[in-house]
Amino acid sequence: MSLSSLLKESRSKHKLKSYDAALKQLRAFRAVIPITSKNIA
């Protein structure tokens, strides 16, 4: 049970990390190429 919860925790941490990385990438991309609200929709 301890191993299971540990695995779950590490998995959620990895997911959060990859999400944060994707967010940073998107921010950098937006900084290079300004995106207007029209382009998003």
Protein backbone atom coordinates (compact mmCIF):
# COMPACT_ATOMS: atom_id res chain seq x y z
CA MET A 1 0.00 0.00 0.00
CA SER A 2 2.85 2.38 0.78
CA LEU A 3 4.46 1.59 -2.57
CA SER A 4 1.14 2.19 -4.34
CA SER A 5 0.64 5.61 -2.77
CA LEU A 6 4.28 6.48 -3.48
CA LEU A 7 3.84 5.55 -7.14
CA LYS A 8 0.65 7.62 -7.33
CA GLU A 9 2.40 10.60 -5.78
CA SER A 10 5.37 10.41 -8.13
CA ARG A 11 3.02 10.07 -11.08
CA SER A 12 1.03 13.16 -10.10
CA LYS A 13 4.29 15.06 -9.54
CA HIS A 14 5.50 14.09 -13.00
CA LYS A 15 2.19 15.12 -14.53
CA LEU A 16 2.38 18.47 -12.76
CA LYS A 17 5.96 18.94 -13.90
CA SER A 18 5.14 18.20 -17.52
CA TYR A 19 2.14 20.55 -17.30
CA ASP A 20 4.37 23.29 -15.91
CA ALA A 21 6.89 22.69 -18.70
CA ALA A 22 4.13 22.88 -21.32
CA LEU A 23 2.88 26.11 -19.77
CA LYS A 24 6.39 27.61 -19.88
CA GLN A 25 6.76 26.49 -23.49
CA LEU A 26 3.44 28.10 -24.41
CA ARG A 27 4.44 31.30 -22.65
CA ALA A 28 7.76 31.42 -24.49
CA PHE A 29 6.01 30.71 -27.79
CA ARG A 30 3.53 33.52 -27.12
CA ALA A 31 6.39 35.87 -26.30
CA VAL A 32 8.00 35.12 -29.68
CA ILE A 33 4.74 35.10 -31.64
CA PRO A 34 2.10 37.37 -30.08
CA ILE A 35 -1.27 35.62 -30.15
CA THR A 36 -4.42 37.71 -30.22
CA SER A 37 -7.68 36.58 -28.65
CA LYS A 38 -9.08 36.11 -32.18
CA ASN A 39 -6.46 33.50 -33.06
CA ILE A 40 -7.15 31.47 -29.91
CA ALA A 41 -10.88 31.10 -30.68
